[in-house]
Amino acid sequence: MESFFNRLEKKLKKLDRKINYKEYINIVKANSREIRSKVLKYLMVRRTRTDVENYFKEDIKKHGLNFPEVKKPEPLFYELNDKEDIVFNKTIDLIANRFRYARYTPMLYYRGKIGQLEEQSQKNMGRFMKILLVKRLESSFFAFRKSVDRFIHSYEMFIKEFDNGYVYVSKKYTNKIFELLENDDDEAVQRLIDERKAEKYKSKNFKEEIKVDLHYDLDILIEINRCGGIYTMIRSF
């Protein structure tokens, strides 16, 4: 097994993930297929409900087992009153269209060169943070208010460090963040983002627009937080 995995690892050692991105990804995929066909195939058994029902009918009958009948989900609708509807739509517009998410995409303002992969990663992070806020607003006004409070604190800390001459950027945990988002673990995402596990850059190496956008975003967050209608909606639910 050690020899098997060492051979696969050697295929990637001479490649730079950023410079040789396409070749790197192709080899990773090829390695994955080989691992799946030569190792996992003999160690793992995947059984879905349909597999069990189709291929183990006698065993199910013998042991008196059965799957519960799953009914189709029924949509539940709720209506907002006129005031709530105005506040809700205004808030959606702020976080989806006006908010710039500069705190979570700092490398897009970097004066130096960044790789295509890192640039795309930063753009994805901005999109994911937008998804997080929208999901929070749609699911729970209390959770949304808590998220906005954390965003405000995070922006204030970032601006403070920027004024002190430094910018912190997290690269190591980007894939972990994507994984957590795919699992709808929004709380873990926010905690991971706010941890100080980041690289340190000098503020002067970033374009002036970043500070403008940071304060612009912070003003929007404060506007949302001060919106009396949101608190009315929280109490009403």
Protein backbone atom coordinates (compact mmCIF):
# COMPACT_ATOMS: atom_id res chain seq x y z
CA MET A 1 0.00 0.00 0.00
CA GLU A 2 2.82 2.40 0.86
CA SER A 3 4.52 1.72 -2.45
CA PHE A 4 1.23 2.18 -4.29
CA PHE A 5 0.53 5.62 -2.81
CA ASN A 6 4.15 6.74 -3.08
CA ARG A 7 4.02 6.06 -6.82
CA LEU A 8 0.90 8.21 -7.19
CA GLU A 9 2.37 10.98 -5.07
CA LYS A 10 5.52 11.15 -7.20
CA LYS A 11 3.42 12.07 -10.22
CA LEU A 12 2.47 15.34 -8.49
CA LYS A 13 5.73 16.29 -6.80
CA LYS A 14 7.31 18.05 -9.80
CA LEU A 15 4.15 20.02 -10.60
CA ASP A 16 3.21 23.44 -9.28
CA ARG A 17 -0.51 23.57 -8.56
CA LYS A 18 -0.79 27.15 -9.79
CA ILE A 19 1.58 27.10 -12.76
CA ASN A 20 0.66 23.60 -14.00
CA TYR A 21 -2.95 23.75 -12.85
CA LYS A 22 -4.61 21.79 -15.69
CA GLU A 23 -1.98 19.05 -15.72
CA TYR A 24 -2.09 18.89 -11.93
CA ILE A 25 -5.87 18.45 -11.86
CA ASN A 26 -5.77 15.79 -14.60
CA ILE A 27 -3.25 13.73 -12.65
CA VAL A 28 -5.25 14.12 -9.44
CA LYS A 29 -8.32 12.80 -11.24
CA ALA A 30 -6.36 9.91 -12.74
CA ASN A 31 -4.94 9.05 -9.31
CA SER A 32 -8.43 9.14 -7.82
CA ARG A 33 -9.74 6.73 -10.44
CA GLU A 34 -6.86 4.34 -9.78
CA ILE A 35 -7.38 4.49 -6.01
CA ARG A 36 -11.08 3.87 -6.48
CA SER A 37 -10.60 0.89 -8.80
CA LYS A 38 -7.62 -0.74 -7.08
CA VAL A 39 -8.19 0.04 -3.41
CA LEU A 40 -11.56 1.46 -2.40
CA LYS A 41 -13.43 -1.04 -4.56
CA TYR A 42 -12.22 -3.83 -2.26
CA LEU A 43 -12.53 -1.97 1.05
CA MET A 44 -15.80 -0.03 0.82
CA VAL A 45 -19.37 -1.10 0.14
CA ARG A 46 -21.92 1.52 -0.85
CA ARG A 47 -25.54 0.58 -0.35
CA THR A 48 -28.40 2.91 -1.03
CA ARG A 49 -31.98 2.25 0.01
CA THR A 50 -32.78 1.19 -3.55
CA ASP A 51 -29.84 -1.25 -3.58
CA VAL A 52 -31.03 -2.88 -0.37
CA GLU A 53 -34.64 -3.13 -1.55
CA ASN A 54 -33.62 -4.62 -4.92
CA TYR A 55 -30.87 -7.03 -3.90
CA PHE A 56 -31.67 -8.01 -0.30
CA LYS A 57 -35.40 -8.64 -0.44
CA GLU A 58 -35.14 -12.07 1.19
CA ASP A 59 -33.02 -10.79 4.06
CA ILE A 60 -35.42 -7.93 4.70
CA LYS A 61 -38.37 -10.32 4.74
CA LYS A 62 -36.55 -12.87 6.91
CA HIS A 63 -35.75 -10.35 9.64
CA GLY A 64 -39.08 -8.55 9.44
CA LEU A 65 -37.50 -5.29 8.40
CA ASN A 66 -38.95 -2.49 6.30
CA PHE A 67 -38.17 1.04 5.27
CA PRO A 68 -40.59 3.75 6.42
CA GLU A 69 -42.69 5.22 3.65
CA VAL A 70 -41.35 8.64 2.70
CA LYS A 71 -43.94 11.16 1.65
CA LYS A 72 -43.22 14.03 -0.68
CA PRO A 73 -42.34 17.27 1.12
CA GLU A 74 -45.16 19.76 1.45
CA PRO A 75 -44.27 23.44 0.93
CA LEU A 76 -45.33 25.83 3.68
CA PHE A 77 -45.83 29.47 2.79
CA TYR A 78 -45.94 32.50 5.02
CA GLU A 79 -46.77 36.08 4.11
CA LEU A 80 -45.17 39.28 5.32
CA ASN A 81 -47.20 42.36 6.03
CA ASP A 82 -46.52 45.51 3.98
CA LYS A 83 -43.97 46.93 6.42
CA GLU A 84 -42.13 43.63 6.78
CA ASP A 85 -42.12 43.12 3.01
CA ILE A 86 -40.50 46.54 2.44
CA VAL A 87 -37.81 45.92 5.06
CA PHE A 88 -37.14 42.39 3.84
CA ASN A 89 -36.75 43.41 0.19
CA LYS A 90 -34.59 46.40 1.12
CA THR A 91 -32.30 44.16 3.16
CA ILE A 92 -32.04 41.62 0.34
CA ASP A 93 -31.08 44.43 -2.03
CA LEU A 94 -28.39 45.66 0.36
CA ILE A 95 -26.68 42.30 0.89
CA ALA A 96 -27.17 40.90 -2.62
CA ASN A 97 -26.61 43.95 -4.83
CA ARG A 98 -24.87 46.74 -2.93
CA PHE A 99 -22.64 44.97 -0.43
CA ARG A 100 -19.11 44.47 -1.87
CA TYR A 101 -17.74 41.81 0.55
CA ALA A 102 -14.32 43.51 0.49
CA ARG A 103 -13.42 41.99 3.85
CA TYR A 104 -13.58 38.51 2.33
CA THR A 105 -11.92 39.27 -1.03
CA PRO A 106 -8.81 41.31 -0.09
CA MET A 107 -6.49 39.73 -2.67
CA LEU A 108 -8.62 41.20 -5.46
CA TYR A 109 -7.21 44.57 -4.30
CA TYR A 110 -3.61 43.38 -4.07
CA ARG A 111 -1.11 45.42 -6.09
CA GLY A 112 1.11 42.42 -6.78
CA LYS A 113 0.40 39.46 -9.00
CA ILE A 114 -1.89 36.67 -7.88
CA GLY A 115 -2.55 33.40 -9.67
CA GLN A 116 -5.73 32.65 -11.57
CA LEU A 117 -6.67 29.99 -9.04
CA GLU A 118 -6.32 32.39 -6.10
CA GLU A 119 -8.28 35.09 -7.89
CA GLN A 120 -11.13 32.69 -8.56
CA SER A 121 -10.96 31.47 -4.97
CA GLN A 122 -11.37 35.03 -3.69
CA LYS A 123 -14.36 35.64 -5.97
CA ASN A 124 -15.91 32.39 -4.78
CA MET A 125 -15.45 33.45 -1.18
CA GLY A 126 -17.35 36.67 -1.81
CA ARG A 127 -20.19 34.71 -3.42
CA PHE A 128 -20.29 32.22 -0.57
CA MET A 129 -20.49 34.94 2.04
CA LYS A 130 -23.37 36.48 0.11
CA ILE A 131 -25.12 33.09 0.11
CA LEU A 132 -24.53 32.78 3.86
CA LEU A 133 -26.19 36.12 4.62
CA VAL A 134 -29.14 35.53 2.29
CA LYS A 135 -29.73 32.07 3.76
CA ARG A 136 -29.63 33.47 7.27
CA LEU A 137 -32.14 36.20 6.42
CA GLU A 138 -34.54 33.74 4.79
CA SER A 139 -34.32 31.12 7.55
CA SER A 140 -34.18 33.09 10.80
CA PHE A 141 -34.21 36.82 11.53
CA PHE A 142 -32.54 36.20 14.88
CA ALA A 143 -29.73 34.21 13.18
CA PHE A 144 -29.42 36.93 10.55
CA ARG A 145 -29.05 39.63 13.20
CA LYS A 146 -26.34 37.56 14.93
CA SER A 147 -24.53 37.14 11.59
CA VAL A 148 -24.67 40.86 10.89
CA ASP A 149 -23.23 41.55 14.36
CA ARG A 150 -20.34 39.16 13.62
CA PHE A 151 -19.80 40.76 10.22
CA ILE A 152 -19.61 44.21 11.80
CA HIS A 153 -17.08 43.03 14.38
CA SER A 154 -15.05 41.26 11.70
CA TYR A 155 -15.00 44.39 9.48
CA GLU A 156 -14.04 46.63 12.39
CA MET A 157 -11.14 44.34 13.31
CA PHE A 158 -10.00 44.11 9.69
CA ILE A 159 -10.08 47.91 9.26
CA LYS A 160 -8.24 48.36 12.55
CA GLU A 161 -5.46 46.02 11.43
CA PHE A 162 -5.39 47.68 8.00
CA ASP A 163 -4.88 51.06 9.65
CA ASN A 164 -2.11 49.48 11.73
CA GLY A 165 -0.38 48.57 8.47
CA TYR A 166 -1.34 44.96 7.94
CA VAL A 167 -3.77 42.76 6.02
CA TYR A 168 -4.39 39.15 7.00
CA VAL A 169 -5.43 36.68 4.30
CA SER A 170 -6.41 33.05 4.84
CA LYS A 171 -5.45 30.59 2.13
CA LYS A 172 -4.95 27.35 4.01
CA TYR A 173 -8.58 26.93 4.99
CA THR A 174 -10.28 27.88 1.72
CA ASN A 175 -11.06 24.28 0.76
CA LYS A 176 -12.29 23.57 4.28
CA ILE A 177 -14.63 26.52 4.05
CA PHE A 178 -16.02 25.22 0.75
CA GLU A 179 -16.54 21.81 2.34
CA LEU A 180 -18.42 23.29 5.30
CA LEU A 181 -20.59 25.39 3.00
CA GLU A 182 -21.50 22.33 0.96
CA ASN A 183 -22.60 20.68 4.23
CA ASP A 184 -24.64 23.78 5.18
CA ASP A 185 -22.53 24.25 8.31
CA ASP A 186 -22.74 28.04 8.28
CA GLU A 187 -21.76 28.42 11.92
CA ALA A 188 -18.47 26.58 11.41
CA VAL A 189 -17.78 28.67 8.32
CA GLN A 190 -18.16 31.91 10.20
CA ARG A 191 -16.00 30.71 13.10
CA LEU A 192 -13.26 29.55 10.75
CA ILE A 193 -13.25 32.83 8.83
CA ASP A 194 -13.01 34.93 11.98
CA GLU A 195 -10.08 32.94 13.41
CA ARG A 196 -6.70 34.59 12.98
CA LYS A 197 -5.18 31.78 10.92
CA ALA A 198 -3.98 33.94 8.08
CA GLU A 199 -1.04 35.27 6.13
CA LYS A 200 0.26 38.75 6.87
CA TYR A 201 0.64 41.43 4.16
CA LYS A 202 1.49 45.12 4.39
CA SER A 203 -1.43 47.49 3.84
CA LYS A 204 0.59 49.65 1.46
CA ASN A 205 0.68 46.73 -0.98
CA PHE A 206 -3.08 47.00 -1.53
CA LYS A 207 -4.99 49.42 -3.73
CA GLU A 208 -6.65 52.39 -2.06
CA GLU A 209 -10.05 51.11 -3.17
CA ILE A 210 -9.99 48.40 -0.52
CA LYS A 211 -10.28 50.87 2.34
CA VAL A 212 -13.08 52.73 0.55
CA ASP A 213 -14.97 49.48 -0.01
CA LEU A 214 -14.36 48.26 3.55
CA HIS A 215 -15.92 51.41 5.02
CA TYR A 216 -18.70 51.29 2.42
CA ASP A 217 -19.56 47.73 3.46
CA LEU A 218 -19.37 48.59 7.15
CA ASP A 219 -21.80 51.48 6.65
CA ILE A 220 -24.24 49.09 4.97
CA LEU A 221 -23.94 46.60 7.83
CA ILE A 222 -24.60 49.35 10.36
CA GLU A 223 -27.58 50.52 8.31
CA ILE A 224 -29.00 47.00 8.33
CA ASN A 225 -28.32 46.60 12.04
CA ARG A 226 -30.06 49.86 12.87
CA CYS A 227 -33.09 49.07 10.78
CA GLY A 228 -35.99 49.12 13.24
CA GLY A 229 -38.10 47.02 10.92
CA ILE A 230 -35.77 44.04 11.30
CA TYR A 231 -36.22 44.06 15.07
CA THR A 232 -39.97 44.35 14.63
CA MET A 233 -39.86 41.31 12.37
CA ILE A 234 -37.74 39.37 14.87
CA ARG A 235 -40.24 40.02 17.64
CA SER A 236 -43.23 39.19 15.44
CA PHE A 237 -41.84 35.73 14.66
